[in-house]
């Protein structure tokens, strides 16, 4: 069935001013754009007083971790998102061997609170499985570095030998041949956190030199040391491998939001020098935190329940956990940094109790939504804080997801959002039950309602550019992200006066308002604000010519 969209305000994704026009869609392509179009054999959508825009592209999603069980991808499609970029933060369902399967069963399932994980030997096999199942959204894959390194070294905390590095190159080539767009790293999670920069450079040389791919990184530091350990490392990797680099969910967190202008100027400078650095961002002050994976060292997961029960290993874990929490004091004045250990403990524990919010757990769902101090009082009223926290992690088998106010909107997020090189990503998950971070359900409508309509930080045309053509250009998607003749018919139709996010930290599973239609590859997937269950998404493939 062909589709004729009538009377809409077309905002084509390029940043140019909107214009009134009708759009004819035949099969999966845009075939006509002009006023006064007529048809005898097409479904007509009246878009009067509505915006007609390219389908939104989510530059950073973890939807691949559960897409087979949540294949309609309602949380994202209902936002107007038609493409998810996945395999982010160095973590994915493929490639895998027995070392990776052991790693996932012990650590990554706890990192992302996943259940019944099935991994795939190759990215190609996983892509084929997804295509056979059918999905509502398009997917663009990156190769997760954590899987690649674990396939060869497991959790060994050492540099790779030349032979091991060559084995990793072979795996990367396999992913790129399957159509991946590049390599992603998560350098705060093992094994990324124990990977030398030089190894990443060597793998990025394969991605760029042989496939013209991209490097995408959850950087090693997003706080007080962001300039050297974070962006500095990313730029070194980009320069030495000559690769286009992208910063995942850019943020300047903790006690260091004043570094925002330095970060922006640093990126602008290297861009002016010819290095194509981009970033994505979500519009929330609270970040998601898988506390067990962030706080506990890799060795703990080898015998998880025993290590969190045995008094001797618990003592070691408690001391290592203190070092994790002390990093939140970075960027504070020296008089705070130099306090006695006991005083720093009191200070940081007070912060953690008040600002760490329990979003989802495996068992004790009645404490979801509570701040950590209150939750631990309910569950372990007679235990001291660190013992109660370790009991909580153990009793939930490590499957806890928190949020914590790590960013400041006024001094950091808003300035970053307005930069021309910043696109939009949800950092979201697809879940069938339980609470999630509201960004999974509300990122794109929140920007259009708050940052564009209410605060007027950027024009509507620029806001849509950040969601569409900018992201497509980063990925090299030449037939999506812009409404023009011959392009794929990924389109969202929304009311610019009514669009609004509804997801909250207490009730995240709420779809936005004001999005009327979502068309994916020429098929209406959302109509009148309702998901129709259509499975017309595709696996998008990178080609060197991109």
Protein backbone atom coordinates (compact mmCIF):
# COMPACT_ATOMS: atom_id res chain seq x y z
CA UNK A 1 0.00 0.00 0.00
CA UNK A 2 1.38 3.40 -0.98
CA UNK A 3 1.03 6.32 1.44
CA UNK A 4 0.27 9.98 0.71
CA UNK A 5 1.01 12.45 3.50
CA UNK A 6 -1.02 15.63 2.94
CA UNK A 7 -0.83 19.21 4.25
CA UNK A 8 2.10 18.78 6.62
CA UNK A 9 4.92 21.14 7.53
CA UNK A 10 7.97 19.33 6.15
CA UNK A 11 11.11 19.80 8.22
CA UNK A 12 13.51 17.81 6.12
CA UNK A 13 16.30 17.20 8.65
CA UNK A 14 18.96 19.39 7.04
CA UNK A 15 18.37 22.35 9.35
CA UNK A 16 16.68 24.33 6.56
CA UNK A 17 13.39 26.11 7.22
CA UNK A 18 10.24 24.02 7.10
CA UNK A 19 7.88 24.20 4.13
CA UNK A 20 4.36 23.03 3.29
CA UNK A 21 4.25 20.02 0.98
CA UNK A 22 2.69 16.62 0.39
CA UNK A 23 4.83 13.47 0.36
CA UNK A 24 4.19 10.32 -1.68
CA UNK A 25 5.65 7.05 -0.40
CA UNK A 26 5.77 4.08 -2.74
CA UNK A 27 6.97 0.79 -1.31
CA UNK A 28 9.83 1.85 1.02
CA UNK A 29 10.90 5.10 -0.69
CA UNK A 30 9.92 8.74 -0.95
CA UNK A 31 8.93 9.28 -4.58
CA UNK A 32 7.26 12.72 -4.70
CA UNK A 33 7.47 15.91 -2.63
CA UNK A 34 5.25 18.77 -3.80
CA UNK A 35 2.00 20.52 -3.03
CA UNK A 36 -1.33 19.37 -4.41
CA UNK A 37 -0.50 15.69 -4.82
CA UNK A 38 -3.47 13.43 -5.53
CA UNK A 39 -3.92 9.69 -5.56
CA UNK A 40 -6.49 7.01 -6.20
CA UNK A 41 -4.68 4.04 -4.69
CA UNK A 42 -2.85 5.27 -1.60
CA UNK A 43 -3.59 5.50 2.08
CA UNK A 44 -3.91 9.18 2.93
CA UNK A 45 -2.58 10.72 6.15
CA UNK A 46 -3.81 14.24 6.86
CA UNK A 47 -0.87 16.01 8.54
CA UNK A 48 -2.55 19.42 8.85
CA UNK A 49 -0.96 21.43 11.69
CA UNK A 50 1.62 18.69 12.14
CA UNK A 51 5.35 18.44 11.50
CA UNK A 52 6.56 15.80 9.04
CA UNK A 53 10.19 14.93 9.79
CA UNK A 54 12.68 12.15 9.06
CA UNK A 55 12.48 9.27 11.51
CA UNK A 56 14.70 9.92 14.50
CA UNK A 57 18.00 8.05 14.79
CA UNK A 58 19.09 7.04 18.29
CA UNK A 59 22.88 7.21 18.25
CA UNK A 60 23.32 5.24 21.47
CA UNK A 61 21.03 2.35 22.42
CA UNK A 62 21.35 -0.90 24.32
CA UNK A 63 18.26 -2.27 22.62
CA UNK A 64 20.24 -5.12 21.07
CA UNK A 65 20.59 -6.78 24.47
CA UNK A 66 16.88 -7.67 24.50
CA UNK A 67 15.56 -7.03 20.99
CA UNK A 68 14.61 -10.67 20.44
CA UNK A 69 12.21 -10.60 23.39
CA UNK A 70 11.04 -7.00 22.88
CA UNK A 71 11.07 -6.99 19.09
CA UNK A 72 8.37 -4.32 18.71
CA UNK A 73 10.69 -1.88 20.49
CA UNK A 74 7.71 0.13 21.73
CA UNK A 75 9.71 2.38 24.08
CA UNK A 76 11.70 3.77 21.17
CA UNK A 77 9.32 3.57 18.22
CA UNK A 78 6.66 5.46 20.20
CA UNK A 79 9.21 8.32 20.53
CA UNK A 80 9.48 8.56 16.74
CA UNK A 81 12.76 6.66 16.65
CA UNK A 82 13.12 4.55 13.52
CA UNK A 83 16.77 3.47 13.86
CA UNK A 84 18.73 2.29 16.91
CA UNK A 85 22.52 2.31 16.92
CA UNK A 86 23.51 -0.69 19.04
CA UNK A 87 26.47 -2.68 20.32
CA UNK A 88 27.40 0.30 22.47
CA UNK A 89 29.78 0.65 25.43
CA UNK A 90 31.79 -2.36 24.27
CA UNK A 91 28.98 -4.75 25.26
CA UNK A 92 26.79 -6.88 23.01
CA UNK A 93 25.30 -10.28 22.30
CA UNK A 94 28.04 -11.13 19.80
CA UNK A 95 30.74 -12.16 19.09
CA UNK A 96 31.03 -14.83 21.76
CA UNK A 97 32.88 -17.99 22.73
CA UNK A 98 33.03 -19.87 26.04
CA UNK A 99 35.19 -17.17 27.65
CA UNK A 100 32.62 -14.52 26.74
CA UNK A 101 29.72 -16.69 27.87
CA UNK A 102 31.36 -17.13 31.25
CA UNK A 103 32.03 -13.39 31.43
CA UNK A 104 28.39 -12.56 30.66
CA UNK A 105 26.98 -15.05 33.13
CA UNK A 106 29.15 -13.63 35.90
CA UNK A 107 29.35 -9.91 35.18
CA UNK A 108 27.43 -8.44 32.27
CA UNK A 109 24.10 -9.95 33.32
CA UNK A 110 24.57 -8.04 36.57
CA UNK A 111 25.81 -4.92 34.81
CA UNK A 112 22.61 -4.59 32.77
CA UNK A 113 20.29 -6.69 34.98
CA UNK A 114 19.75 -9.18 32.15
CA UNK A 115 18.11 -12.58 32.48
CA UNK A 116 18.43 -15.73 30.36
CA UNK A 117 21.08 -14.31 28.07
CA UNK A 118 21.78 -16.16 24.84
CA UNK A 119 24.95 -15.14 23.02
CA UNK A 120 25.95 -15.67 19.40
CA UNK A 121 29.27 -16.74 17.95
CA UNK A 122 29.35 -13.95 15.38
CA UNK A 123 27.64 -10.64 14.75
CA UNK A 124 26.52 -12.01 11.38
CA UNK A 125 24.71 -14.90 13.10
CA UNK A 126 23.00 -12.50 15.52
CA UNK A 127 21.93 -10.19 12.69
CA UNK A 128 20.43 -13.13 10.81
CA UNK A 129 18.58 -14.34 13.91
CA UNK A 130 17.08 -10.89 14.46
CA UNK A 131 16.04 -10.57 10.82
CA UNK A 132 14.32 -13.96 10.94
CA UNK A 133 12.46 -12.98 14.12
CA UNK A 134 11.29 -9.63 12.73
CA UNK A 135 11.65 -6.23 14.39
CA UNK A 136 9.77 -2.95 14.31
CA UNK A 137 12.84 -0.70 14.19
CA UNK A 138 16.03 -0.52 12.14
CA UNK A 139 19.29 -1.52 13.81
CA UNK A 140 22.82 -0.32 13.04
CA UNK A 141 25.44 -2.45 14.78
CA UNK A 142 28.85 -1.64 16.26
CA UNK A 143 31.34 -4.33 17.26
CA UNK A 144 31.57 -4.44 21.08
CA UNK A 145 35.23 -4.31 22.07
CA UNK A 146 34.57 -6.05 25.40
CA UNK A 147 33.38 -9.16 23.58
CA UNK A 148 36.34 -9.08 21.20
CA UNK A 149 38.98 -8.86 23.92
CA UNK A 150 37.26 -11.37 26.19
CA UNK A 151 37.11 -13.90 23.33
CA UNK A 152 40.92 -13.95 23.33
CA UNK A 153 42.13 -12.89 26.79
CA UNK A 154 39.17 -13.56 29.04
CA UNK A 155 39.48 -11.26 32.04
CA UNK A 156 43.29 -11.29 32.07
CA UNK A 157 44.60 -7.95 33.33
CA UNK A 158 47.58 -7.63 31.00
CA UNK A 159 48.46 -6.36 27.54
CA UNK A 160 47.74 -8.65 24.60
CA UNK A 161 50.63 -10.40 22.93
CA UNK A 162 51.21 -9.72 19.21
CA UNK A 163 49.59 -13.07 18.42
CA UNK A 164 46.55 -12.29 20.59
CA UNK A 165 46.22 -8.86 19.02
CA UNK A 166 46.15 -10.44 15.57
CA UNK A 167 43.40 -12.82 16.73
CA UNK A 168 41.38 -9.78 17.83
CA UNK A 169 41.95 -8.13 14.45
CA UNK A 170 40.47 -11.22 12.78
CA UNK A 171 37.33 -10.97 14.94
CA UNK A 172 36.98 -7.25 14.16
CA UNK A 173 37.28 -7.95 10.45
CA UNK A 174 34.51 -10.52 10.75
CA UNK A 175 32.19 -7.96 12.36
CA UNK A 176 32.97 -5.29 9.79
CA UNK A 177 32.44 -7.75 6.95
CA UNK A 178 29.01 -8.51 8.43
CA UNK A 179 28.09 -4.84 8.11
CA UNK A 180 29.02 -3.28 11.46
CA UNK A 181 29.61 0.47 11.39
CA UNK A 182 32.63 0.45 13.65
CA UNK A 183 34.07 -0.48 17.05
CA UNK A 184 32.68 0.58 20.42
CA UNK A 185 34.42 0.59 23.80
CA UNK A 186 33.25 0.88 27.38
CA UNK A 187 36.38 1.96 29.19
CA UNK A 188 34.89 2.10 32.69
CA UNK A 189 33.78 -1.55 32.49
CA UNK A 190 36.02 -4.59 32.38
CA UNK A 191 37.68 -5.58 30.12
CA UNK A 192 37.77 -2.05 28.65
CA UNK A 193 38.95 -0.67 31.97
CA UNK A 194 42.00 -2.95 31.87
CA UNK A 195 42.74 -2.49 28.15
CA UNK A 196 45.81 -0.42 27.18
CA UNK A 197 45.17 2.45 24.79
CA UNK A 198 47.65 0.97 22.32
CA UNK A 199 45.48 -2.12 21.80
CA UNK A 200 42.47 0.00 20.91
CA UNK A 201 44.54 2.00 18.43
CA UNK A 202 45.60 -1.16 16.64
CA UNK A 203 42.02 -2.43 16.32
CA UNK A 204 40.84 0.99 15.15
CA UNK A 205 43.43 0.88 12.36
CA UNK A 206 41.63 -2.19 11.00
CA UNK A 207 38.24 -0.49 11.33
CA UNK A 208 39.39 2.65 9.50
CA UNK A 209 42.05 1.49 7.06
CA UNK A 210 40.19 -1.55 5.77
CA UNK A 211 36.53 -0.51 6.19
CA UNK A 212 36.32 3.27 6.70
CA UNK A 213 34.49 2.64 9.97
CA UNK A 214 33.98 4.63 13.17
CA UNK A 215 35.27 4.48 16.75
CA UNK A 216 32.62 5.08 19.45
CA UNK A 217 33.64 5.28 23.11
CA UNK A 218 32.19 5.41 26.57
CA UNK A 219 35.31 7.19 27.74
CA UNK A 220 37.57 6.16 30.60
CA UNK A 221 36.72 9.30 32.58
CA UNK A 222 33.68 11.61 32.44
CA UNK A 223 34.47 13.65 35.55
CA UNK A 224 37.40 15.57 36.97
CA UNK A 225 39.94 13.94 34.62
CA UNK A 226 37.84 14.07 31.46
CA UNK A 227 40.29 16.24 29.54
CA UNK A 228 43.24 13.85 29.80
CA UNK A 229 41.91 10.38 30.69
CA UNK A 230 38.68 10.86 28.74
CA UNK A 231 38.74 13.07 25.66
CA UNK A 232 42.53 13.15 25.57
CA UNK A 233 42.69 9.38 25.15
CA UNK A 234 39.89 9.40 22.56
CA UNK A 235 41.71 12.03 20.49
CA UNK A 236 44.97 10.10 20.71
CA UNK A 237 43.19 6.99 19.41
CA UNK A 238 41.58 9.00 16.61
CA UNK A 239 44.84 10.63 15.55
CA UNK A 240 47.03 7.55 15.67
CA UNK A 241 44.54 5.36 13.80
CA UNK A 242 43.23 8.18 11.57
CA UNK A 243 39.66 7.19 12.50
CA UNK A 244 36.47 9.22 12.90
CA UNK A 245 35.74 9.18 16.65
CA UNK A 246 32.49 9.60 18.55
CA UNK A 247 31.91 10.29 22.26
CA UNK A 248 29.10 8.28 23.84
CA UNK A 249 26.61 10.17 26.07
CA UNK A 250 28.93 13.14 26.55
CA UNK A 251 28.85 14.51 30.08
CA UNK A 252 30.99 16.37 32.55
CA UNK A 253 29.89 14.87 35.81
CA UNK A 254 30.48 14.76 39.50
CA UNK A 255 31.91 17.91 41.03
CA UNK A 256 33.40 19.17 37.75
CA UNK A 257 30.66 20.83 35.62
CA UNK A 258 32.83 23.94 35.39
CA UNK A 259 35.01 22.01 32.95
CA UNK A 260 32.22 22.16 30.36
CA UNK A 261 33.57 25.18 28.47
CA UNK A 262 37.08 23.69 28.42
CA UNK A 263 35.72 20.44 27.01
CA UNK A 264 33.69 22.24 24.34
CA UNK A 265 36.64 24.43 23.31
CA UNK A 266 38.97 21.42 23.27
CA UNK A 267 36.67 19.52 20.91
CA UNK A 268 36.12 22.58 18.71
CA UNK A 269 39.88 23.04 18.40
CA UNK A 270 40.57 19.49 17.26
CA UNK A 271 37.62 19.66 14.87
CA UNK A 272 39.08 22.85 13.36
CA UNK A 273 42.34 20.95 12.94
CA UNK A 274 40.48 18.42 10.79
CA UNK A 275 39.67 15.66 13.27
CA UNK A 276 35.95 14.74 12.86
CA UNK A 277 34.90 14.32 16.51
CA UNK A 278 31.17 14.08 17.35
CA UNK A 279 29.18 13.21 20.46
CA UNK A 280 25.69 12.22 21.56
CA UNK A 281 23.74 13.34 24.61
CA UNK A 282 20.56 12.68 26.58
CA UNK A 283 18.65 15.42 28.46
CA UNK A 284 18.66 14.08 32.02
CA UNK A 285 20.77 14.99 35.05
CA UNK A 286 20.65 11.50 36.55
CA UNK A 287 22.82 8.83 34.95
CA UNK A 288 22.12 5.11 35.01
CA UNK A 289 24.38 3.04 37.24
CA UNK A 290 24.68 -0.74 37.47
CA UNK A 291 26.12 -0.50 40.96
CA UNK A 292 27.49 -4.03 41.32
CA UNK A 293 29.46 -3.91 38.07
CA UNK A 294 30.66 -0.34 38.68
CA UNK A 295 31.63 -0.81 42.31
CA UNK A 296 32.97 -4.37 42.44
CA UNK A 297 36.28 -5.51 40.95
CA UNK A 298 36.20 -8.29 38.32
CA UNK A 299 37.57 -10.94 40.71
CA UNK A 300 34.45 -10.70 42.87
CA UNK A 301 32.30 -12.16 40.09
CA UNK A 302 34.31 -15.37 39.82
CA UNK A 303 32.54 -16.72 42.92
CA UNK A 304 29.98 -14.01 43.47
CA UNK A 305 27.76 -15.25 46.30
CA UNK A 306 30.61 -16.79 48.27
CA UNK A 307 32.82 -13.72 47.97
CA UNK A 308 30.01 -11.49 49.26
CA UNK A 309 29.34 -13.84 52.19
CA UNK A 310 32.81 -14.88 53.38
CA UNK A 311 34.03 -12.41 56.07
CA UNK A 312 37.56 -12.24 54.68
CA UNK A 313 36.61 -11.53 51.08
CA UNK A 314 33.84 -9.16 52.22
CA UNK A 315 36.43 -7.13 54.10
CA UNK A 316 38.52 -6.79 50.93
CA UNK A 317 35.43 -5.91 48.86
CA UNK A 318 34.40 -3.25 51.38
CA UNK A 319 37.82 -1.59 51.17
CA UNK A 320 37.82 -1.66 47.36
CA UNK A 321 34.28 -0.27 47.36
CA UNK A 322 35.42 2.70 49.43
CA UNK A 323 37.95 3.54 46.75
CA UNK A 324 35.17 3.46 44.17
CA UNK A 325 33.04 5.86 46.20
CA UNK A 326 35.96 8.19 46.92
CA UNK A 327 36.21 8.97 43.20
CA UNK A 328 33.00 11.00 43.58
CA UNK A 329 35.03 13.47 45.66
CA UNK A 330 37.32 14.27 42.72
CA UNK A 331 37.04 17.87 41.69
CA UNK A 332 36.13 19.05 45.18
CA UNK A 333 38.41 21.54 46.99
CA UNK A 334 41.69 20.25 48.51
CA UNK A 335 40.38 20.71 52.05
CA UNK A 336 37.79 18.02 51.26
CA UNK A 337 40.27 15.75 49.45
CA UNK A 338 42.63 15.92 52.44
CA UNK A 339 40.09 15.05 55.13
CA UNK A 340 40.84 12.00 57.30
CA UNK A 341 39.53 8.76 55.85
CA UNK A 342 36.73 8.49 58.45
CA UNK A 343 35.47 12.00 57.62
CA UNK A 344 35.54 11.28 53.88
CA UNK A 345 33.55 8.11 54.52
CA UNK A 346 30.85 10.04 56.38
CA UNK A 347 30.71 12.64 53.62
CA UNK A 348 30.50 10.25 50.71
CA UNK A 349 28.08 7.84 52.44
CA UNK A 350 25.76 10.75 53.18
CA UNK A 351 25.85 11.67 49.48
CA UNK A 352 25.25 8.10 48.30
CA UNK A 353 22.32 7.59 50.70
CA UNK A 354 20.61 10.77 49.51
CA UNK A 355 21.32 10.80 45.76
CA UNK A 356 21.55 7.16 44.63
CA UNK A 357 18.04 6.10 43.56
CA UNK A 358 17.06 2.43 43.29
CA UNK A 359 15.37 2.01 39.89
CA UNK A 360 15.09 -1.75 39.43
CA UNK A 361 16.07 -4.90 41.32
CA UNK A 362 15.49 -8.62 40.92
CA UNK A 363 13.52 -9.36 44.10
CA UNK A 364 12.57 -6.50 46.41
CA UNK A 365 10.47 -4.49 43.98
CA UNK A 366 8.72 -2.62 46.79
CA UNK A 367 11.82 -0.46 47.34
CA UNK A 368 12.11 0.57 43.67
CA UNK A 369 12.00 4.34 43.33
CA UNK A 370 13.39 4.92 46.84
CA UNK A 371 16.73 6.55 47.51
CA UNK A 372 19.37 4.13 48.70
CA UNK A 373 19.53 5.28 52.32
CA UNK A 374 15.81 4.73 52.78
CA UNK A 375 15.84 1.43 50.87
CA UNK A 376 18.59 -0.01 53.07
CA UNK A 377 16.79 1.13 56.21
CA UNK A 378 13.74 -0.82 55.10
CA UNK A 379 15.65 -3.97 54.15
CA UNK A 380 18.51 -4.03 56.66
CA UNK A 381 17.54 -1.79 59.58
CA UNK A 382 20.28 -3.01 61.93
CA UNK A 383 23.20 -3.02 59.49
CA UNK A 384 25.81 -0.31 58.96
CA UNK A 385 25.78 1.29 55.51
CA UNK A 386 28.57 -0.59 53.74
CA UNK A 387 27.49 -3.96 55.16
CA UNK A 388 23.87 -3.28 54.25
CA UNK A 389 24.89 -2.32 50.71
CA UNK A 390 26.96 -5.49 50.24
CA UNK A 391 24.06 -7.57 51.61
CA UNK A 392 21.72 -5.81 49.18
CA UNK A 393 23.98 -6.55 46.21
CA UNK A 394 24.39 -10.18 47.26
CA UNK A 395 20.71 -10.79 47.98
CA UNK A 396 19.70 -9.31 44.61
CA UNK A 397 22.41 -11.47 42.97
CA UNK A 398 24.05 -8.31 41.68
CA UNK A 399 21.08 -7.33 39.51
CA UNK A 400 20.50 -3.75 40.66
CA UNK A 401 20.10 -0.65 38.55
CA UNK A 402 20.40 2.80 40.15
CA UNK A 403 20.30 6.36 38.96
CA UNK A 404 22.43 9.11 40.46
CA UNK A 405 22.48 12.85 39.86
CA UNK A 406 25.85 13.09 38.17
CA UNK A 407 25.28 16.02 35.80
CA UNK A 408 24.13 19.60 36.10
CA UNK A 409 21.70 20.80 33.46
CA UNK A 410 22.30 24.53 33.81
CA UNK A 411 26.10 24.49 33.82
CA UNK A 412 26.73 21.53 31.54
CA UNK A 413 23.95 19.71 29.67
CA UNK A 414 22.38 22.76 28.02
CA UNK A 415 25.71 24.10 26.73
CA UNK A 416 26.69 20.70 25.33
CA UNK A 417 23.30 20.24 23.67
CA UNK A 418 23.64 23.47 21.71
CA UNK A 419 26.92 22.45 20.06
CA UNK A 420 26.70 21.70 16.34
CA UNK A 421 28.66 18.46 16.72
CA UNK A 422 26.28 16.93 19.30
CA UNK A 423 23.48 14.58 18.23
CA UNK A 424 20.97 12.67 20.39
CA UNK A 425 21.11 9.22 21.97
CA UNK A 426 18.92 7.67 24.64
CA UNK A 427 21.44 5.28 26.24
CA UNK A 428 18.20 3.37 26.69
CA UNK A 429 17.09 -0.22 27.16
CA UNK A 430 14.15 -2.25 25.89
CA UNK A 431 12.45 -3.97 28.80
CA UNK A 432 9.27 -6.04 29.01
CA UNK A 433 8.65 -5.31 32.68
CA UNK A 434 9.96 -3.31 35.64
CA UNK A 435 11.18 0.26 35.78
CA UNK A 436 13.91 1.77 33.64
CA UNK A 437 15.60 5.13 33.33
CA UNK A 438 13.04 7.57 31.86
CA UNK A 439 15.46 8.32 29.03
CA UNK A 440 14.45 4.96 27.51
CA UNK A 441 10.91 6.28 26.95
CA UNK A 442 11.27 10.05 26.80
CA UNK A 443 14.56 11.38 25.40
CA UNK A 444 13.50 12.66 21.98
CA UNK A 445 10.08 14.12 22.95
CA UNK A 446 11.68 15.72 26.01
CA UNK A 447 14.13 17.63 23.83
CA UNK A 448 11.43 18.76 21.40
CA UNK A 449 9.09 19.84 24.19
CA UNK A 450 11.50 21.37 26.71
CA UNK A 451 14.70 22.39 24.93
CA UNK A 452 13.06 23.40 21.64
CA UNK A 453 9.46 24.54 22.26
CA UNK A 454 9.66 25.87 25.83
CA UNK A 455 13.23 27.14 26.27
CA UNK A 456 13.97 27.79 22.59
CA UNK A 457 17.60 26.74 23.00
CA UNK A 458 17.67 25.88 19.30
CA UNK A 459 15.15 26.16 16.48
CA UNK A 460 12.82 23.29 15.68
CA UNK A 461 14.75 22.75 12.45
CA UNK A 462 18.06 22.51 14.33
CA UNK A 463 16.59 20.22 16.97
CA UNK A 464 15.38 17.84 14.28
CA UNK A 465 18.73 18.04 12.45
CA UNK A 466 20.41 16.78 15.63
CA UNK A 467 18.04 13.81 15.67
CA UNK A 468 18.26 12.91 11.99
CA UNK A 469 20.71 14.09 9.33
CA UNK A 470 23.55 14.79 11.76
CA UNK A 471 23.42 11.22 13.06
CA UNK A 472 22.99 9.80 9.56
CA UNK A 473 26.05 11.74 8.38
CA UNK A 474 28.14 10.43 11.28
CA UNK A 475 27.19 6.86 10.37
CA UNK A 476 27.38 7.38 6.61
CA UNK A 477 23.69 6.52 6.09
CA UNK A 478 23.20 8.20 2.74
CA UNK A 479 19.56 7.23 2.22
CA UNK A 480 18.11 8.10 5.64
CA UNK A 481 17.95 11.09 7.96
CA UNK A 482 16.70 13.56 5.31
CA UNK A 483 13.34 13.83 3.59
CA UNK A 484 14.26 13.89 -0.09
CA UNK A 485 13.39 12.05 -3.27
CA UNK A 486 14.68 8.50 -3.38
CA UNK A 487 15.43 8.25 0.34
CA UNK A 488 14.02 5.47 2.50
CA UNK A 489 10.63 6.31 3.96
CA UNK A 490 11.46 6.54 7.67
CA UNK A 491 9.17 9.36 8.80
CA UNK A 492 7.65 10.72 12.01
CA UNK A 493 4.58 12.97 12.14
CA UNK A 494 4.00 14.92 15.36
CA UNK A 495 2.21 17.92 16.80
CA UNK A 496 4.88 20.50 17.73
CA UNK A 497 2.53 22.11 20.27
CA UNK A 498 1.55 18.89 22.04
CA UNK A 499 4.61 16.65 21.89
CA UNK A 500 5.73 15.88 25.42
CA UNK A 501 7.56 13.19 27.36
CA UNK A 502 5.71 11.55 30.28
CA UNK A 503 8.27 9.08 31.66
CA UNK A 504 9.45 9.83 35.20
CA UNK A 505 11.89 8.26 37.65
CA UNK A 506 8.98 6.84 39.63
CA UNK A 507 7.03 5.66 36.58
CA UNK A 508 9.31 5.32 33.59
CA UNK A 509 7.08 3.08 31.47
CA UNK A 510 4.99 5.87 29.97
CA UNK A 511 4.86 6.68 26.26
CA UNK A 512 5.03 10.31 25.14
CA UNK A 513 2.17 12.43 23.86
CA UNK A 514 1.85 14.24 20.56
CA UNK A 515 3.41 11.70 18.18
CA UNK A 516 0.73 10.76 15.66
CA UNK A 517 2.42 8.53 13.08
CA UNK A 518 5.69 6.68 12.69
CA UNK A 519 6.51 5.17 9.31
CA UNK A 520 9.42 2.72 9.03
CA UNK A 521 10.65 1.57 5.63
CA UNK A 522 7.37 2.68 4.07
CA UNK A 523 5.00 0.96 6.50
CA UNK A 524 2.88 2.72 9.11
CA UNK A 525 4.08 1.32 12.44
CA UNK A 526 2.42 3.85 14.77
CA UNK A 527 -0.96 5.35 13.86
CA UNK A 528 -2.88 7.85 15.98
CA UNK A 529 -0.46 7.27 18.82
CA UNK A 530 -0.86 3.46 18.84
CA UNK A 531 1.77 0.86 17.94
CA UNK A 532 0.27 -1.42 15.28
CA UNK A 533 2.64 -4.33 15.85
CA UNK A 534 4.21 -3.99 12.40
CA UNK A 535 7.65 -5.64 12.07
CA UNK A 536 9.20 -3.84 9.11
CA UNK A 537 12.56 -2.86 10.59
CA UNK A 538 15.83 -3.81 8.92
CA UNK A 539 19.42 -4.51 9.86
CA UNK A 540 21.31 -1.61 8.27
CA UNK A 541 24.72 -2.48 6.87
CA UNK A 542 27.82 -0.32 6.69
CA UNK A 543 29.78 -0.39 3.48
CA UNK A 544 33.28 0.96 2.98
CA UNK A 545 31.99 3.39 0.36
CA UNK A 546 29.87 5.04 3.08
